[in-house]
Amino acid sequence: MTRAQRIAVLSTVFISLYLLAFFEILQVPLVDGPVAQQILPVLPWWLLVSFGSYSLWSLGWGLFTFRDCPEAYQELLVEISQAKDDLRSRGVTVD
């Protein structure tokens, strides 16, 4: 099973369970009915905000630790200088 198939199967299972709990076909264990009715409608938004926060943190951490990879840093500097030289050869002012 490929990664995409695994994600599709797990997503289908979790979405099905969520919808069954949301429409009160399936009761949420260890949570009272009124509490579940208050939590379930906002659960997708909470997951979306959590995923966005994780994504921004991951991106920021990657930028913060970028200089920890000296080979990648040097490679990027070489590519930038090559791009600048190419643009200069085409008559574009850079800098």
PDB file of N, CA and C in Angstrom:
ATOM      1  N   MET A   1       0.847  -1.174   0.000  1.00  0.00           N
ATOM      2  CA  MET A   1       0.000   0.000   0.000  1.00  0.00           C
ATOM      3  C   MET A   1       0.897   1.242   0.000  1.00  0.00           C
ATOM      4  N   THR A   2       0.610   2.146  -0.902  1.00  0.00           N
ATOM      5  CA  THR A   2       1.424   3.350  -0.983  1.00  0.00           C
ATOM      6  C   THR A   2       1.027   4.331   0.109  1.00  0.00           C
ATOM      7  N   ARG A   3       1.838   5.332   0.267  1.00  0.00           N
ATOM      8  CA  ARG A   3       1.574   6.339   1.307  1.00  0.00           C
ATOM      9  C   ARG A   3       0.257   7.070   1.042  1.00  0.00           C
ATOM     10  N   ALA A   4      -0.014   7.385  -0.211  1.00  0.00           N
ATOM     11  CA  ALA A   4      -1.255   8.084  -0.555  1.00  0.00           C
ATOM     12  C   ALA A   4      -2.477   7.217  -0.240  1.00  0.00           C
ATOM     13  N   GLN A   5      -2.377   5.928  -0.512  1.00  0.00           N
ATOM     14  CA  GLN A   5      -3.493   5.036  -0.201  1.00  0.00           C
ATOM     15  C   GLN A   5      -3.696   4.928   1.304  1.00  0.00           C
ATOM     16  N   ARG A   6      -2.605   4.850   2.049  1.00  0.00           N
ATOM     17  CA  ARG A   6      -2.697   4.781   3.505  1.00  0.00           C
ATOM     18  C   ARG A   6      -3.362   6.030   4.078  1.00  0.00           C
ATOM     19  N   ILE A   7      -2.956   7.192   3.565  1.00  0.00           N
ATOM     20  CA  ILE A   7      -3.540   8.449   4.021  1.00  0.00           C
ATOM     21  C   ILE A   7      -5.015   8.518   3.646  1.00  0.00           C
ATOM     22  N   ALA A   8      -5.357   8.061   2.442  1.00  0.00           N
ATOM     23  CA  ALA A   8      -6.755   8.075   2.016  1.00  0.00           C
ATOM     24  C   ALA A   8      -7.608   7.162   2.890  1.00  0.00           C
ATOM     25  N   VAL A   9      -7.109   5.977   3.207  1.00  0.00           N
ATOM     26  CA  VAL A   9      -7.868   5.042   4.048  1.00  0.00           C
ATOM     27  C   VAL A   9      -8.034   5.603   5.457  1.00  0.00           C
ATOM     28  N   LEU A  10      -6.952   6.099   6.051  1.00  0.00           N
ATOM     29  CA  LEU A  10      -7.037   6.658   7.399  1.00  0.00           C
ATOM     30  C   LEU A  10      -7.947   7.884   7.440  1.00  0.00           C
ATOM     31  N   SER A  11      -7.857   8.735   6.434  1.00  0.00           N
ATOM     32  CA  SER A  11      -8.723   9.917   6.381  1.00  0.00           C
ATOM     33  C   SER A  11     -10.182   9.517   6.277  1.00  0.00           C
ATOM     34  N   THR A  12     -10.460   8.524   5.448  1.00  0.00           N
ATOM     35  CA  THR A  12     -11.836   8.051   5.298  1.00  0.00           C
ATOM     36  C   THR A  12     -12.378   7.497   6.612  1.00  0.00           C
ATOM     37  N   VAL A  13     -11.560   6.725   7.313  1.00  0.00           N
ATOM     38  CA  VAL A  13     -11.988   6.158   8.596  1.00  0.00           C
ATOM     39  C   VAL A  13     -12.256   7.259   9.607  1.00  0.00           C
ATOM     40  N   PHE A  14     -11.329   8.210   9.751  1.00  0.00           N
ATOM     41  CA  PHE A  14     -11.509   9.276  10.734  1.00  0.00           C
ATOM     42  C   PHE A  14     -12.673  10.195  10.380  1.00  0.00           C
ATOM     43  N   ILE A  15     -12.845  10.507   9.107  1.00  0.00           N
ATOM     44  CA  ILE A  15     -13.968  11.356   8.703  1.00  0.00           C
ATOM     45  C   ILE A  15     -15.293  10.633   8.940  1.00  0.00           C
ATOM     46  N   SER A  16     -15.322   9.343   8.666  1.00  0.00           N
ATOM     47  CA  SER A  16     -16.540   8.572   8.920  1.00  0.00           C
ATOM     48  C   SER A  16     -16.874   8.554  10.404  1.00  0.00           C
ATOM     49  N   LEU A  17     -15.871   8.308  11.250  1.00  0.00           N
ATOM     50  CA  LEU A  17     -16.100   8.312  12.693  1.00  0.00           C
ATOM     51  C   LEU A  17     -16.555   9.688  13.177  1.00  0.00           C
ATOM     52  N   TYR A  18     -15.942  10.737  12.640  1.00  0.00           N
ATOM     53  CA  TYR A  18     -16.330  12.090  13.028  1.00  0.00           C
ATOM     54  C   TYR A  18     -17.783  12.365  12.647  1.00  0.00           C
ATOM     55  N   LEU A  19     -18.169  12.009  11.425  1.00  0.00           N
ATOM     56  CA  LEU A  19     -19.539  12.268  10.986  1.00  0.00           C
ATOM     57  C   LEU A  19     -20.551  11.449  11.794  1.00  0.00           C
ATOM     58  N   LEU A  20     -20.195  10.212  12.119  1.00  0.00           N
ATOM     59  CA  LEU A  20     -21.091   9.398  12.952  1.00  0.00           C
ATOM     60  C   LEU A  20     -21.265  10.020  14.336  1.00  0.00           C
ATOM     61  N   ALA A  21     -20.203  10.557  14.889  1.00  0.00           N
ATOM     62  CA  ALA A  21     -20.302  11.211  16.196  1.00  0.00           C
ATOM     63  C   ALA A  21     -21.012  12.562  16.080  1.00  0.00           C
ATOM     64  N   PHE A  22     -20.765  13.278  15.006  1.00  0.00           N
ATOM     65  CA  PHE A  22     -21.374  14.596  14.819  1.00  0.00           C
ATOM     66  C   PHE A  22     -22.891  14.496  14.681  1.00  0.00           C
ATOM     67  N   PHE A  23     -23.366  13.505  13.933  1.00  0.00           N
ATOM     68  CA  PHE A  23     -24.803  13.316  13.750  1.00  0.00           C
ATOM     69  C   PHE A  23     -25.420  12.443  14.842  1.00  0.00           C
ATOM     70  N   GLU A  24     -24.657  12.203  15.893  1.00  0.00           N
ATOM     71  CA  GLU A  24     -25.094  11.485  17.095  1.00  0.00           C
ATOM     72  C   GLU A  24     -25.570  10.067  16.808  1.00  0.00           C
ATOM     73  N   ILE A  25     -25.014   9.442  15.792  1.00  0.00           N
ATOM     74  CA  ILE A  25     -25.277   8.029  15.527  1.00  0.00           C
ATOM     75  C   ILE A  25     -24.389   7.184  16.420  1.00  0.00           C
ATOM     76  N   LEU A  26     -23.205   7.669  16.658  1.00  0.00           N
ATOM     77  CA  LEU A  26     -22.226   6.995  17.503  1.00  0.00           C
ATOM     78  C   LEU A  26     -21.901   7.929  18.669  1.00  0.00           C
ATOM     79  N   GLN A  27     -21.948   7.407  19.891  1.00  0.00           N
ATOM     80  CA  GLN A  27     -21.647   8.244  21.043  1.00  0.00           C
ATOM     81  C   GLN A  27     -20.154   8.276  21.300  1.00  0.00           C
ATOM     82  N   VAL A  28     -19.682   9.431  21.748  1.00  0.00           N
ATOM     83  CA  VAL A  28     -18.266   9.603  22.054  1.00  0.00           C
ATOM     84  C   VAL A  28     -18.022   9.040  23.449  1.00  0.00           C
ATOM     85  N   PRO A  29     -17.109   8.080  23.585  1.00  0.00           N
ATOM     86  CA  PRO A  29     -16.867   7.510  24.913  1.00  0.00           C
ATOM     87  C   PRO A  29     -16.179   8.513  25.837  1.00  0.00           C
ATOM     88  N   LEU A  30     -16.512   8.440  27.113  1.00  0.00           N
ATOM     89  CA  LEU A  30     -15.929   9.246  28.185  1.00  0.00           C
ATOM     90  C   LEU A  30     -16.256  10.739  28.089  1.00  0.00           C
ATOM     91  N   VAL A  31     -17.235  11.115  27.235  1.00  0.00           N
ATOM     92  CA  VAL A  31     -17.633  12.518  27.102  1.00  0.00           C
ATOM     93  C   VAL A  31     -19.161  12.569  27.166  1.00  0.00           C
ATOM     94  N   ASP A  32     -19.679  13.494  27.965  1.00  0.00           N
ATOM     95  CA  ASP A  32     -21.127  13.659  28.060  1.00  0.00           C
ATOM     96  C   ASP A  32     -21.699  14.180  26.751  1.00  0.00           C
ATOM     97  N   GLY A  33     -22.989  13.943  26.533  1.00  0.00           N
ATOM     98  CA  GLY A  33     -23.659  14.363  25.303  1.00  0.00           C
ATOM     99  C   GLY A  33     -23.602  15.854  25.045  1.00  0.00           C
ATOM    100  N   PRO A  34     -23.973  16.703  26.024  1.00  0.00           N
ATOM    101  CA  PRO A  34     -23.935  18.159  25.776  1.00  0.00           C
ATOM    102  C   PRO A  34     -22.520  18.683  25.509  1.00  0.00           C
ATOM    103  N   VAL A  35     -21.545  18.098  26.182  1.00  0.00           N
ATOM    104  CA  VAL A  35     -20.160  18.526  25.960  1.00  0.00           C
ATOM    105  C   VAL A  35     -19.718  18.146  24.550  1.00  0.00           C
ATOM    106  N   ALA A  36     -20.072  16.936  24.111  1.00  0.00           N
ATOM    107  CA  ALA A  36     -19.724  16.496  22.755  1.00  0.00           C
ATOM    108  C   ALA A  36     -20.397  17.374  21.711  1.00  0.00           C
ATOM    109  N   GLN A  37     -21.650  17.810  21.978  1.00  0.00           N
ATOM    110  CA  GLN A  37     -22.349  18.683  21.037  1.00  0.00           C
ATOM    111  C   GLN A  37     -21.673  20.049  20.921  1.00  0.00           C
ATOM    112  N   GLN A  38     -20.972  20.473  21.952  1.00  0.00           N
ATOM    113  CA  GLN A  38     -20.257  21.748  21.888  1.00  0.00           C
ATOM    114  C   GLN A  38     -18.891  21.604  21.234  1.00  0.00           C
ATOM    115  N   ILE A  39     -18.248  20.459  21.408  1.00  0.00           N
ATOM    116  CA  ILE A  39     -16.883  20.274  20.911  1.00  0.00           C
ATOM    117  C   ILE A  39     -16.853  19.835  19.453  1.00  0.00           C
ATOM    118  N   LEU A  40     -17.716  18.932  19.061  1.00  0.00           N
ATOM    119  CA  LEU A  40     -17.643  18.358  17.718  1.00  0.00           C
ATOM    120  C   LEU A  40     -17.777  19.361  16.574  1.00  0.00           C
ATOM    121  N   PRO A  41     -18.641  20.384  16.659  1.00  0.00           N
ATOM    122  CA  PRO A  41     -18.712  21.320  15.534  1.00  0.00           C
ATOM    123  C   PRO A  41     -17.435  22.127  15.302  1.00  0.00           C
ATOM    124  N   VAL A  42     -16.653  22.383  16.349  1.00  0.00           N
ATOM    125  CA  VAL A  42     -15.445  23.192  16.182  1.00  0.00           C
ATOM    126  C   VAL A  42     -14.187  22.341  15.989  1.00  0.00           C
ATOM    127  N   LEU A  43     -14.311  21.039  16.059  1.00  0.00           N
ATOM    128  CA  LEU A  43     -13.148  20.156  15.931  1.00  0.00           C
ATOM    129  C   LEU A  43     -12.418  20.303  14.585  1.00  0.00           C
ATOM    130  N   PRO A  44     -13.113  20.369  13.437  1.00  0.00           N
ATOM    131  CA  PRO A  44     -12.374  20.554  12.168  1.00  0.00           C
ATOM    132  C   PRO A  44     -11.579  21.857  12.125  1.00  0.00           C
ATOM    133  N   TRP A  45     -12.137  22.945  12.666  1.00  0.00           N
ATOM    134  CA  TRP A  45     -11.413  24.221  12.680  1.00  0.00           C
ATOM    135  C   TRP A  45     -10.195  24.144  13.588  1.00  0.00           C
ATOM    136  N   TRP A  46     -10.356  23.464  14.728  1.00  0.00           N
ATOM    137  CA  TRP A  46      -9.240  23.298  15.638  1.00  0.00           C
ATOM    138  C   TRP A  46      -8.118  22.509  14.961  1.00  0.00           C
ATOM    139  N   LEU A  47      -8.471  21.458  14.232  1.00  0.00           N
ATOM    140  CA  LEU A  47      -7.460  20.672  13.515  1.00  0.00           C
ATOM    141  C   LEU A  47      -6.780  21.502  12.427  1.00  0.00           C
ATOM    142  N   LEU A  48      -7.561  22.319  11.726  1.00  0.00           N
ATOM    143  CA  LEU A  48      -6.988  23.175  10.679  1.00  0.00           C
ATOM    144  C   LEU A  48      -6.024  24.196  11.262  1.00  0.00           C
ATOM    145  N   VAL A  49      -6.404  24.826  12.357  1.00  0.00           N
ATOM    146  CA  VAL A  49      -5.527  25.810  13.003  1.00  0.00           C
ATOM    147  C   VAL A  49      -4.279  25.128  13.555  1.00  0.00           C
ATOM    148  N   SER A  50      -4.426  23.942  14.121  1.00  0.00           N
ATOM    149  CA  SER A  50      -3.273  23.204  14.644  1.00  0.00           C
ATOM    150  C   SER A  50      -2.311  22.829  13.523  1.00  0.00           C
ATOM    151  N   PHE A  51      -2.850  22.376  12.393  1.00  0.00           N
ATOM    152  CA  PHE A  51      -2.001  22.036  11.260  1.00  0.00           C
ATOM    153  C   PHE A  51      -1.275  23.271  10.723  1.00  0.00           C
ATOM    154  N   GLY A  52      -1.974  24.400  10.650  1.00  0.00           N
ATOM    155  CA  GLY A  52      -1.339  25.638  10.196  1.00  0.00           C
ATOM    156  C   GLY A  52      -0.236  26.091  11.136  1.00  0.00           C
ATOM    157  N   SER A  53      -0.477  25.957  12.437  1.00  0.00           N
ATOM    158  CA  SER A  53       0.544  26.331  13.416  1.00  0.00           C
ATOM    159  C   SER A  53       1.769  25.437  13.290  1.00  0.00           C
ATOM    160  N   TYR A  54       1.535  24.143  13.136  1.00  0.00           N
ATOM    161  CA  TYR A  54       2.649  23.212  12.969  1.00  0.00           C
ATOM    162  C   TYR A  54       3.429  23.528  11.689  1.00  0.00           C
ATOM    163  N   SER A  55       2.714  23.834  10.613  1.00  0.00           N
ATOM    164  CA  SER A  55       3.383  24.138   9.343  1.00  0.00           C
ATOM    165  C   SER A  55       4.249  25.386   9.456  1.00  0.00           C
ATOM    166  N   LEU A  56       3.717  26.427  10.092  1.00  0.00           N
ATOM    167  CA  LEU A  56       4.499  27.651  10.262  1.00  0.00           C
ATOM    168  C   LEU A  56       5.702  27.422  11.166  1.00  0.00           C
ATOM    169  N   TRP A  57       5.520  26.646  12.239  1.00  0.00           N
ATOM    170  CA  TRP A  57       6.636  26.337  13.124  1.00  0.00           C
ATOM    171  C   TRP A  57       7.707  25.553  12.374  1.00  0.00           C
ATOM    172  N   SER A  58       7.295  24.585  11.578  1.00  0.00           N
ATOM    173  CA  SER A  58       8.245  23.772  10.825  1.00  0.00           C
ATOM    174  C   SER A  58       9.022  24.626   9.817  1.00  0.00           C
ATOM    175  N   LEU A  59       8.324  25.526   9.140  1.00  0.00           N
ATOM    176  CA  LEU A  59       8.978  26.418   8.188  1.00  0.00           C
ATOM    177  C   LEU A  59       9.948  27.351   8.887  1.00  0.00           C
ATOM    178  N   GLY A  60       9.527  27.923  10.006  1.00  0.00           N
ATOM    179  CA  GLY A  60      10.406  28.818  10.769  1.00  0.00           C
ATOM    180  C   GLY A  60      11.623  28.104  11.308  1.00  0.00           C
ATOM    181  N   TRP A  61      11.446  26.880  11.804  1.00  0.00           N
ATOM    182  CA  TRP A  61      12.579  26.106  12.313  1.00  0.00           C
ATOM    183  C   TRP A  61      13.556  25.780  11.185  1.00  0.00           C
ATOM    184  N   GLY A  62      13.025  25.479   9.998  1.00  0.00           N
ATOM    185  CA  GLY A  62      13.898  25.221   8.852  1.00  0.00           C
ATOM    186  C   GLY A  62      14.715  26.445   8.471  1.00  0.00           C
ATOM    187  N   LEU A  63      14.095  27.615   8.537  1.00  0.00           N
ATOM    188  CA  LEU A  63      14.832  28.845   8.247  1.00  0.00           C
ATOM    189  C   LEU A  63      15.850  29.162   9.335  1.00  0.00           C
ATOM    190  N   PHE A  64      15.482  28.891  10.588  1.00  0.00           N
ATOM    191  CA  PHE A  64      16.372  29.170  11.706  1.00  0.00           C
ATOM    192  C   PHE A  64      17.616  28.286  11.673  1.00  0.00           C
ATOM    193  N   THR A  65      17.464  27.040  11.279  1.00  0.00           N
ATOM    194  CA  THR A  65      18.591  26.096  11.269  1.00  0.00           C
ATOM    195  C   THR A  65      19.208  25.942   9.887  1.00  0.00           C
ATOM    196  N   PHE A  66      18.919  26.867   8.970  1.00  0.00           N
ATOM    197  CA  PHE A  66      19.438  26.730   7.607  1.00  0.00           C
ATOM    198  C   PHE A  66      20.961  26.755   7.567  1.00  0.00           C
ATOM    199  N   ARG A  67      21.571  27.563   8.390  1.00  0.00           N
ATOM    200  CA  ARG A  67      23.028  27.651   8.378  1.00  0.00           C
ATOM    201  C   ARG A  67      23.686  26.438   9.024  1.00  0.00           C
ATOM    202  N   ASP A  68      22.905  25.547   9.587  1.00  0.00           N
ATOM    203  CA  ASP A  68      23.458  24.311  10.139  1.00  0.00           C
ATOM    204  C   ASP A  68      23.835  23.320   9.047  1.00  0.00           C
ATOM    205  N   CYS A  69      23.472  23.628   7.812  1.00  0.00           N
ATOM    206  CA  CYS A  69      23.796  22.770   6.672  1.00  0.00           C
ATOM    207  C   CYS A  69      24.762  23.531   5.774  1.00  0.00           C
ATOM    208  N   PRO A  70      26.062  23.518   6.081  1.00  0.00           N
ATOM    209  CA  PRO A  70      26.996  24.356   5.323  1.00  0.00           C
ATOM    210  C   PRO A  70      27.074  23.984   3.842  1.00  0.00           C
ATOM    211  N   GLU A  71      26.908  22.707   3.519  1.00  0.00           N
ATOM    212  CA  GLU A  71      26.981  22.308   2.108  1.00  0.00           C
ATOM    213  C   GLU A  71      25.819  22.918   1.325  1.00  0.00           C
ATOM    214  N   ALA A  72      24.624  22.853   1.885  1.00  0.00           N
ATOM    215  CA  ALA A  72      23.457  23.416   1.213  1.00  0.00           C
ATOM    216  C   ALA A  72      23.577  24.933   1.124  1.00  0.00           C
ATOM    217  N   TYR A  73      24.110  25.546   2.170  1.00  0.00           N
ATOM    218  CA  TYR A  73      24.292  26.993   2.172  1.00  0.00           C
ATOM    219  C   TYR A  73      25.253  27.422   1.057  1.00  0.00           C
ATOM    220  N   GLN A  74      26.378  26.734   0.958  1.00  0.00           N
ATOM    221  CA  GLN A  74      27.354  27.063  -0.081  1.00  0.00           C
ATOM    222  C   GLN A  74      26.787  26.784  -1.476  1.00  0.00           C
ATOM    223  N   GLU A  75      26.058  25.692  -1.621  1.00  0.00           N
ATOM    224  CA  GLU A  75      25.451  25.366  -2.907  1.00  0.00           C
ATOM    225  C   GLU A  75      24.454  26.447  -3.321  1.00  0.00           C
ATOM    226  N   LEU A  76      23.669  26.928  -2.370  1.00  0.00           N
ATOM    227  CA  LEU A  76      22.703  27.979  -2.667  1.00  0.00           C
ATOM    228  C   LEU A  76      23.407  29.276  -3.060  1.00  0.00           C
ATOM    229  N   LEU A  77      24.484  29.624  -2.387  1.00  0.00           N
ATOM    230  CA  LEU A  77      25.231  30.824  -2.751  1.00  0.00           C
ATOM    231  C   LEU A  77      25.810  30.720  -4.162  1.00  0.00           C
ATOM    232  N   VAL A  78      26.305  29.540  -4.524  1.00  0.00           N
ATOM    233  CA  VAL A  78      26.835  29.334  -5.879  1.00  0.00           C
ATOM    234  C   VAL A  78      25.709  29.489  -6.903  1.00  0.00           C
ATOM    235  N   GLU A  79      24.543  28.920  -6.637  1.00  0.00           N
ATOM    236  CA  GLU A  79      23.417  29.042  -7.562  1.00  0.00           C
ATOM    237  C   GLU A  79      22.962  30.492  -7.700  1.00  0.00           C
ATOM    238  N   ILE A  80      22.985  31.238  -6.617  1.00  0.00           N
ATOM    239  CA  ILE A  80      22.600  32.649  -6.675  1.00  0.00           C
ATOM    240  C   ILE A  80      23.589  33.436  -7.526  1.00  0.00           C
ATOM    241  N   SER A  81      24.881  33.188  -7.348  1.00  0.00           N
ATOM    242  CA  SER A  81      25.884  33.900  -8.155  1.00  0.00           C
ATOM    243  C   SER A  81      25.782  33.512  -9.628  1.00  0.00           C
ATOM    244  N   GLN A  82      25.478  32.247  -9.915  1.00  0.00           N
ATOM    245  CA  GLN A  82      25.294  31.829 -11.313  1.00  0.00           C
ATOM    246  C   GLN A  82      24.081  32.516 -11.927  1.00  0.00           C
ATOM    247  N   ALA A  83      22.999  32.622 -11.161  1.00  0.00           N
ATOM    248  CA  ALA A  83      21.807  33.297 -11.677  1.00  0.00           C
ATOM    249  C   ALA A  83      22.080  34.769 -11.929  1.00  0.00           C
ATOM    250  N   LYS A  84      22.808  35.413 -11.017  1.00  0.00           N
ATOM    251  CA  LYS A  84      23.158  36.818 -11.218  1.00  0.00           C
ATOM    252  C   LYS A  84      24.029  36.998 -12.461  1.00  0.00           C
ATOM    253  N   ASP A  85      25.026  36.127 -12.650  1.00  0.00           N
ATOM    254  CA  ASP A  85      25.884  36.212 -13.832  1.00  0.00           C
ATOM    255  C   ASP A  85      25.076  36.017 -15.112  1.00  0.00           C
ATOM    256  N   ASP A  86      24.132  35.081 -15.081  1.00  0.00           N
ATOM    257  CA  ASP A  86      23.290  34.840 -16.251  1.00  0.00           C
ATOM    258  C   ASP A  86      22.428  36.057 -16.559  1.00  0.00           C
ATOM    259  N   LEU A  87      21.859  36.673 -15.525  1.00  0.00           N
ATOM    260  CA  LEU A  87      21.046  37.865 -15.742  1.00  0.00           C
ATOM    261  C   LEU A  87      21.887  39.031 -16.253  1.00  0.00           C
ATOM    262  N   ARG A  88      23.107  39.175 -15.717  1.00  0.00           N
ATOM    263  CA  ARG A  88      23.997  40.238 -16.204  1.00  0.00           C
ATOM    264  C   ARG A  88      24.358  40.042 -17.665  1.00  0.00           C
ATOM    265  N   SER A  89      24.563  38.777 -18.070  1.00  0.00           N
ATOM    266  CA  SER A  89      24.907  38.503 -19.473  1.00  0.00           C
ATOM    267  C   SER A  89      23.735  38.828 -20.403  1.00  0.00           C
ATOM    268  N   ARG A  90      22.537  38.833 -19.880  1.00  0.00           N
ATOM    269  CA  ARG A  90      21.349  39.149 -20.689  1.00  0.00           C
ATOM    270  C   ARG A  90      21.000  40.639 -20.627  1.00  0.00           C
ATOM    271  N   GLY A  91      21.800  41.414 -19.884  1.00  0.00           N
ATOM    272  CA  GLY A  91      21.594  42.854 -19.840  1.00  0.00           C
ATOM    273  C   GLY A  91      20.699  43.346 -18.708  1.00  0.00           C
ATOM    274  N   VAL A  92      20.443  42.516 -17.736  1.00  0.00           N
ATOM    275  CA  VAL A  92      19.605  42.915 -16.605  1.00  0.00           C
ATOM    276  C   VAL A  92      20.522  43.417 -15.498  1.00  0.00           C
ATOM    277  N   THR A  93      20.161  44.548 -14.895  1.00  0.00           N
ATOM    278  CA  THR A  93      20.966  45.077 -13.797  1.00  0.00           C
ATOM    279  C   THR A  93      20.567  44.369 -12.502  1.00  0.00           C
ATOM    280  N   VAL A  94      21.554  43.834 -11.841  1.00  0.00           N
ATOM    281  CA  VAL A  94      21.349  43.112 -10.575  1.00  0.00           C
ATOM    282  C   VAL A  94      22.198  43.804  -9.525  1.00  0.00           C
ATOM    283  N   ASP A  95      21.676  43.947  -8.326  1.00  0.00           N
ATOM    284  CA  ASP A  95      22.340  44.547  -7.148  1.00  0.00           C
ATOM    285  C   ASP A  95      21.858  45.918  -6.889  1.00  0.00           C
TER     286      ASP A  95
END
